[in-house]
């Protein structure tokens, strides 16, 4: 397994995890005024539970620190237990609870100082 970074725009970076030269996961990071927003992280279903999401998040955080970002935030749902637990284990904290957000469902905003 290996990861790579592709910068799409000055304010958006995409991180990939590859297995046998095939992308199996992707993370999208956007930035505004020194604050990074993890706008998506997707791991192929048969590759979940193998530390790939954690590795991508680690790479994203390292990149953000190198670029001088001071904070990362993301949106998720508590019901997405694996993702929610990953973020908690990486040190993210719930900063807001949104009882009726996308599609009228409850979401949480999580953040981490770098």
N, C-alpha and C. Protein backbone atom coordinates (compact mmCIF):
# COMPACT_ATOMS: atom_id res chain seq x y z
N UNK A 1 0.84 -1.17 0.00
CA UNK A 1 0.00 0.00 0.00
C UNK A 1 0.89 1.24 0.00
N UNK A 2 0.56 2.21 -0.81
CA UNK A 2 1.30 3.46 -0.81
C UNK A 2 0.32 4.60 -1.07
N UNK A 3 0.74 5.80 -0.69
CA UNK A 3 -0.12 6.96 -0.86
C UNK A 3 0.57 7.98 -1.75
N UNK A 4 -0.26 8.83 -2.35
CA UNK A 4 0.28 9.89 -3.20
C UNK A 4 -0.58 11.15 -3.00
N UNK A 5 -0.05 12.26 -3.42
CA UNK A 5 -0.73 13.54 -3.32
C UNK A 5 -0.81 14.17 -4.69
N UNK A 6 -1.99 14.65 -5.01
CA UNK A 6 -2.18 15.40 -6.23
C UNK A 6 -2.82 16.73 -5.91
N UNK A 7 -2.16 17.83 -6.21
CA UNK A 7 -2.73 19.15 -5.93
C UNK A 7 -3.54 19.55 -7.15
N UNK A 8 -4.82 19.78 -6.95
CA UNK A 8 -5.72 20.10 -8.06
C UNK A 8 -5.78 21.61 -8.29
N UNK A 9 -6.04 22.35 -7.24
CA UNK A 9 -6.12 23.80 -7.28
C UNK A 9 -5.29 24.35 -6.12
N UNK A 10 -4.99 25.62 -6.10
CA UNK A 10 -4.22 26.16 -4.96
C UNK A 10 -4.92 25.96 -3.62
N UNK A 11 -6.24 25.83 -3.61
CA UNK A 11 -6.96 25.68 -2.35
C UNK A 11 -7.50 24.27 -2.13
N UNK A 12 -7.14 23.31 -2.98
CA UNK A 12 -7.66 21.95 -2.84
C UNK A 12 -6.58 20.94 -3.17
N UNK A 13 -6.44 19.94 -2.30
CA UNK A 13 -5.47 18.87 -2.51
C UNK A 13 -6.18 17.53 -2.36
N UNK A 14 -5.77 16.58 -3.15
CA UNK A 14 -6.36 15.24 -3.13
C UNK A 14 -5.26 14.24 -2.79
N UNK A 15 -5.56 13.36 -1.82
CA UNK A 15 -4.63 12.31 -1.41
C UNK A 15 -5.22 10.96 -1.83
N UNK A 16 -4.37 10.08 -2.33
CA UNK A 16 -4.82 8.76 -2.78
C UNK A 16 -4.06 7.68 -2.05
N UNK A 17 -4.73 6.56 -1.79
CA UNK A 17 -4.06 5.34 -1.33
C UNK A 17 -4.19 4.34 -2.47
N UNK A 18 -3.09 3.67 -2.77
CA UNK A 18 -3.04 2.73 -3.90
C UNK A 18 -2.69 1.32 -3.41
N UNK A 19 -3.27 0.36 -4.05
CA UNK A 19 -2.92 -1.04 -3.83
C UNK A 19 -2.68 -1.64 -5.21
N UNK A 20 -1.47 -2.13 -5.42
CA UNK A 20 -1.11 -2.68 -6.74
C UNK A 20 -1.39 -1.67 -7.86
N UNK A 21 -0.97 -0.43 -7.64
CA UNK A 21 -1.13 0.65 -8.61
C UNK A 21 -2.58 1.04 -8.91
N UNK A 22 -3.51 0.57 -8.09
CA UNK A 22 -4.91 0.92 -8.26
C UNK A 22 -5.38 1.75 -7.07
N UNK A 23 -5.98 2.90 -7.30
CA UNK A 23 -6.49 3.69 -6.17
C UNK A 23 -7.59 2.93 -5.43
N UNK A 24 -7.47 2.88 -4.10
CA UNK A 24 -8.48 2.21 -3.27
C UNK A 24 -9.08 3.17 -2.24
N UNK A 25 -8.53 4.37 -2.14
CA UNK A 25 -9.06 5.36 -1.21
C UNK A 25 -8.65 6.76 -1.65
N UNK A 26 -9.47 7.73 -1.25
CA UNK A 26 -9.20 9.12 -1.61
C UNK A 26 -9.63 10.02 -0.46
N UNK A 27 -8.89 11.09 -0.28
CA UNK A 27 -9.20 12.12 0.72
C UNK A 27 -9.06 13.47 0.04
N UNK A 28 -10.03 14.34 0.25
CA UNK A 28 -10.01 15.67 -0.33
C UNK A 28 -9.86 16.70 0.78
N UNK A 29 -8.90 17.61 0.62
CA UNK A 29 -8.63 18.66 1.60
C UNK A 29 -8.76 20.02 0.92
N UNK A 30 -9.59 20.88 1.51
CA UNK A 30 -9.73 22.24 1.02
C UNK A 30 -9.22 23.18 2.10
N UNK A 31 -8.77 24.37 1.72
CA UNK A 31 -8.21 25.30 2.70
C UNK A 31 -8.68 26.72 2.44
N UNK A 32 -8.90 27.45 3.54
CA UNK A 32 -9.25 28.86 3.48
C UNK A 32 -8.70 29.52 4.72
N UNK A 33 -7.85 30.51 4.54
CA UNK A 33 -7.28 31.29 5.66
C UNK A 33 -6.61 30.43 6.72
N UNK A 34 -5.84 29.45 6.29
CA UNK A 34 -5.08 28.64 7.23
C UNK A 34 -5.86 27.54 7.92
N UNK A 35 -7.13 27.37 7.54
CA UNK A 35 -7.96 26.31 8.12
C UNK A 35 -8.28 25.30 7.03
N UNK A 36 -8.01 24.03 7.32
CA UNK A 36 -8.27 22.97 6.36
C UNK A 36 -9.60 22.29 6.63
N UNK A 37 -10.29 21.93 5.55
CA UNK A 37 -11.56 21.22 5.64
C UNK A 37 -11.41 19.90 4.90
N UNK A 38 -11.52 18.80 5.62
CA UNK A 38 -11.50 17.47 5.00
C UNK A 38 -12.91 17.26 4.44
N UNK A 39 -13.05 17.54 3.15
CA UNK A 39 -14.39 17.54 2.55
C UNK A 39 -14.87 16.15 2.19
N UNK A 40 -13.96 15.19 2.05
CA UNK A 40 -14.39 13.81 1.84
C UNK A 40 -13.23 12.86 2.08
N UNK A 41 -13.58 11.69 2.54
CA UNK A 41 -12.63 10.57 2.64
C UNK A 41 -13.43 9.32 2.33
N UNK A 42 -12.98 8.59 1.33
CA UNK A 42 -13.69 7.41 0.87
C UNK A 42 -12.67 6.27 0.74
N UNK A 43 -12.98 5.14 1.37
CA UNK A 43 -12.14 3.95 1.28
C UNK A 43 -12.98 2.84 0.65
N UNK A 44 -12.42 2.21 -0.36
CA UNK A 44 -13.10 1.11 -1.03
C UNK A 44 -13.55 0.08 0.01
N UNK A 45 -14.77 -0.43 -0.14
CA UNK A 45 -15.38 -1.26 0.89
C UNK A 45 -14.52 -2.45 1.31
N UNK A 46 -13.92 -3.15 0.36
CA UNK A 46 -13.12 -4.34 0.72
C UNK A 46 -11.76 -3.98 1.31
N UNK A 47 -11.44 -2.70 1.40
CA UNK A 47 -10.17 -2.25 1.98
C UNK A 47 -10.36 -1.57 3.33
N UNK A 48 -11.59 -1.51 3.81
CA UNK A 48 -11.86 -0.84 5.08
C UNK A 48 -11.38 -1.70 6.25
N UNK A 49 -11.06 -1.02 7.36
CA UNK A 49 -10.61 -1.72 8.56
C UNK A 49 -9.16 -2.15 8.51
N UNK A 50 -8.40 -1.60 7.57
CA UNK A 50 -6.99 -1.98 7.40
C UNK A 50 -6.05 -0.81 7.65
N UNK A 51 -6.56 0.28 8.22
CA UNK A 51 -5.72 1.42 8.56
C UNK A 51 -5.49 2.40 7.42
N UNK A 52 -6.16 2.21 6.31
CA UNK A 52 -5.94 3.09 5.15
C UNK A 52 -6.46 4.50 5.42
N UNK A 53 -7.66 4.60 6.01
CA UNK A 53 -8.21 5.92 6.34
C UNK A 53 -7.32 6.67 7.31
N UNK A 54 -6.81 5.95 8.30
CA UNK A 54 -5.91 6.55 9.28
C UNK A 54 -4.63 7.04 8.61
N UNK A 55 -4.10 6.24 7.70
CA UNK A 55 -2.87 6.63 7.00
C UNK A 55 -3.10 7.88 6.14
N UNK A 56 -4.23 7.93 5.45
CA UNK A 56 -4.55 9.11 4.65
C UNK A 56 -4.72 10.35 5.52
N UNK A 57 -5.41 10.19 6.65
CA UNK A 57 -5.59 11.33 7.56
C UNK A 57 -4.24 11.79 8.10
N UNK A 58 -3.35 10.86 8.45
CA UNK A 58 -2.02 11.23 8.93
C UNK A 58 -1.25 12.01 7.87
N UNK A 59 -1.31 11.52 6.62
CA UNK A 59 -0.62 12.21 5.53
C UNK A 59 -1.22 13.60 5.33
N UNK A 60 -2.52 13.71 5.40
CA UNK A 60 -3.21 14.99 5.24
C UNK A 60 -2.78 15.97 6.34
N UNK A 61 -2.74 15.49 7.59
CA UNK A 61 -2.35 16.35 8.70
C UNK A 61 -0.91 16.82 8.56
N UNK A 62 -0.02 15.92 8.15
CA UNK A 62 1.38 16.29 7.97
C UNK A 62 1.52 17.35 6.88
N UNK A 63 0.83 17.15 5.79
CA UNK A 63 0.84 18.11 4.68
C UNK A 63 0.31 19.47 5.17
N UNK A 64 -0.79 19.44 5.92
CA UNK A 64 -1.39 20.67 6.42
C UNK A 64 -0.43 21.43 7.33
N UNK A 65 0.26 20.70 8.19
CA UNK A 65 1.25 21.33 9.07
C UNK A 65 2.37 21.97 8.26
N UNK A 66 2.86 21.25 7.26
CA UNK A 66 3.94 21.77 6.40
C UNK A 66 3.51 23.03 5.67
N UNK A 67 2.23 23.12 5.34
CA UNK A 67 1.70 24.29 4.64
C UNK A 67 1.34 25.43 5.59
N UNK A 68 1.45 25.18 6.90
CA UNK A 68 1.18 26.23 7.87
C UNK A 68 -0.27 26.32 8.32
N UNK A 69 -1.08 25.32 8.00
CA UNK A 69 -2.46 25.32 8.47
C UNK A 69 -2.43 25.10 9.98
N UNK A 70 -3.35 25.70 10.69
CA UNK A 70 -3.35 25.57 12.14
C UNK A 70 -4.53 24.77 12.67
N UNK A 71 -5.48 24.41 11.79
CA UNK A 71 -6.68 23.72 12.26
C UNK A 71 -7.27 22.92 11.10
N UNK A 72 -7.79 21.73 11.40
CA UNK A 72 -8.54 20.93 10.42
C UNK A 72 -9.93 20.66 10.97
N UNK A 73 -10.91 20.64 10.09
CA UNK A 73 -12.26 20.29 10.50
C UNK A 73 -12.92 19.42 9.45
N UNK A 74 -13.99 18.73 9.86
CA UNK A 74 -14.70 17.84 8.96
C UNK A 74 -16.13 17.67 9.46
N UNK A 75 -16.94 17.10 8.60
CA UNK A 75 -18.33 16.80 8.94
C UNK A 75 -18.52 15.30 8.86
N UNK A 76 -19.27 14.74 9.80
CA UNK A 76 -19.56 13.31 9.77
C UNK A 76 -20.85 13.05 10.54
N UNK A 77 -21.21 11.80 10.61
CA UNK A 77 -22.39 11.39 11.38
C UNK A 77 -21.95 10.39 12.44
N UNK A 78 -22.52 10.47 13.62
CA UNK A 78 -22.20 9.50 14.68
C UNK A 78 -22.58 8.08 14.23
N UNK A 79 -23.61 7.98 13.41
CA UNK A 79 -24.08 6.69 12.93
C UNK A 79 -23.04 5.99 12.03
N UNK A 80 -22.15 6.77 11.45
CA UNK A 80 -21.06 6.18 10.67
C UNK A 80 -19.95 5.83 11.66
N UNK A 81 -20.19 4.79 12.43
CA UNK A 81 -19.38 4.46 13.59
C UNK A 81 -17.89 4.33 13.30
N UNK A 82 -17.54 3.64 12.23
CA UNK A 82 -16.11 3.45 11.92
C UNK A 82 -15.42 4.78 11.66
N UNK A 83 -16.05 5.64 10.87
CA UNK A 83 -15.46 6.95 10.57
C UNK A 83 -15.41 7.82 11.82
N UNK A 84 -16.50 7.86 12.56
CA UNK A 84 -16.57 8.67 13.77
C UNK A 84 -15.48 8.25 14.75
N UNK A 85 -15.34 6.95 14.97
CA UNK A 85 -14.31 6.44 15.90
C UNK A 85 -12.90 6.74 15.39
N UNK A 86 -12.70 6.66 14.08
CA UNK A 86 -11.39 7.00 13.51
C UNK A 86 -11.02 8.43 13.88
N UNK A 87 -11.94 9.36 13.68
CA UNK A 87 -11.65 10.76 13.96
C UNK A 87 -11.41 11.00 15.45
N UNK A 88 -12.19 10.37 16.30
CA UNK A 88 -11.98 10.48 17.75
C UNK A 88 -10.58 9.96 18.10
N UNK A 89 -10.23 8.80 17.56
CA UNK A 89 -8.90 8.21 17.85
C UNK A 89 -7.76 9.06 17.33
N UNK A 90 -8.01 9.86 16.31
CA UNK A 90 -6.98 10.75 15.77
C UNK A 90 -6.93 12.09 16.49
N UNK A 91 -7.79 12.26 17.49
CA UNK A 91 -7.74 13.48 18.29
C UNK A 91 -8.74 14.56 17.90
N UNK A 92 -9.66 14.26 17.00
CA UNK A 92 -10.67 15.25 16.62
C UNK A 92 -11.74 15.30 17.71
N UNK A 93 -12.27 16.49 17.92
CA UNK A 93 -13.30 16.69 18.93
C UNK A 93 -14.55 17.27 18.28
N UNK A 94 -15.69 16.87 18.80
CA UNK A 94 -16.96 17.42 18.31
C UNK A 94 -17.03 18.89 18.73
N UNK A 95 -17.23 19.76 17.75
CA UNK A 95 -17.35 21.19 18.03
C UNK A 95 -18.78 21.68 17.89
N UNK A 96 -19.58 20.97 17.08
CA UNK A 96 -20.99 21.35 16.88
C UNK A 96 -21.81 20.11 16.57
N UNK A 97 -23.05 20.14 17.00
CA UNK A 97 -24.01 19.09 16.66
C UNK A 97 -25.10 19.75 15.83
N UNK A 98 -25.39 19.18 14.69
CA UNK A 98 -26.39 19.74 13.79
C UNK A 98 -27.53 18.73 13.65
N UNK A 99 -28.63 18.94 14.36
CA UNK A 99 -29.69 17.93 14.40
C UNK A 99 -30.43 17.72 13.07
N UNK A 100 -30.37 18.70 12.20
CA UNK A 100 -31.09 18.58 10.92
C UNK A 100 -30.24 19.26 9.84
N UNK A 101 -29.28 18.51 9.31
CA UNK A 101 -28.32 19.07 8.36
C UNK A 101 -28.61 18.49 6.99
N UNK A 102 -27.62 17.90 6.33
CA UNK A 102 -27.84 17.32 5.01
C UNK A 102 -28.97 16.30 5.04
N UNK A 103 -29.88 16.41 4.10
CA UNK A 103 -30.99 15.48 3.95
C UNK A 103 -31.85 15.37 5.21
N UNK A 104 -31.81 16.40 6.07
CA UNK A 104 -32.59 16.41 7.29
C UNK A 104 -32.09 15.47 8.36
N UNK A 105 -30.85 14.99 8.23
CA UNK A 105 -30.26 14.04 9.18
C UNK A 105 -29.31 14.74 10.14
N UNK A 106 -29.09 14.13 11.31
CA UNK A 106 -28.15 14.72 12.27
C UNK A 106 -26.69 14.49 11.86
N UNK A 107 -25.88 15.53 11.97
CA UNK A 107 -24.46 15.49 11.65
C UNK A 107 -23.69 16.13 12.80
N UNK A 108 -22.39 15.88 12.84
CA UNK A 108 -21.52 16.55 13.80
C UNK A 108 -20.38 17.21 13.03
N UNK A 109 -19.92 18.33 13.56
CA UNK A 109 -18.73 19.00 13.07
C UNK A 109 -17.62 18.65 14.05
N UNK A 110 -16.48 18.23 13.53
CA UNK A 110 -15.35 17.85 14.37
C UNK A 110 -14.13 18.64 13.94
N UNK A 111 -13.25 18.95 14.88
CA UNK A 111 -12.06 19.71 14.55
C UNK A 111 -10.86 19.29 15.38
N UNK A 112 -9.70 19.72 14.91
CA UNK A 112 -8.45 19.40 15.59
C UNK A 112 -7.44 20.52 15.34
N UNK A 113 -6.82 21.00 16.42
CA UNK A 113 -5.71 21.95 16.27
C UNK A 113 -4.48 21.18 15.87
N UNK A 114 -3.72 21.75 14.94
CA UNK A 114 -2.50 21.08 14.48
C UNK A 114 -1.28 21.60 15.21
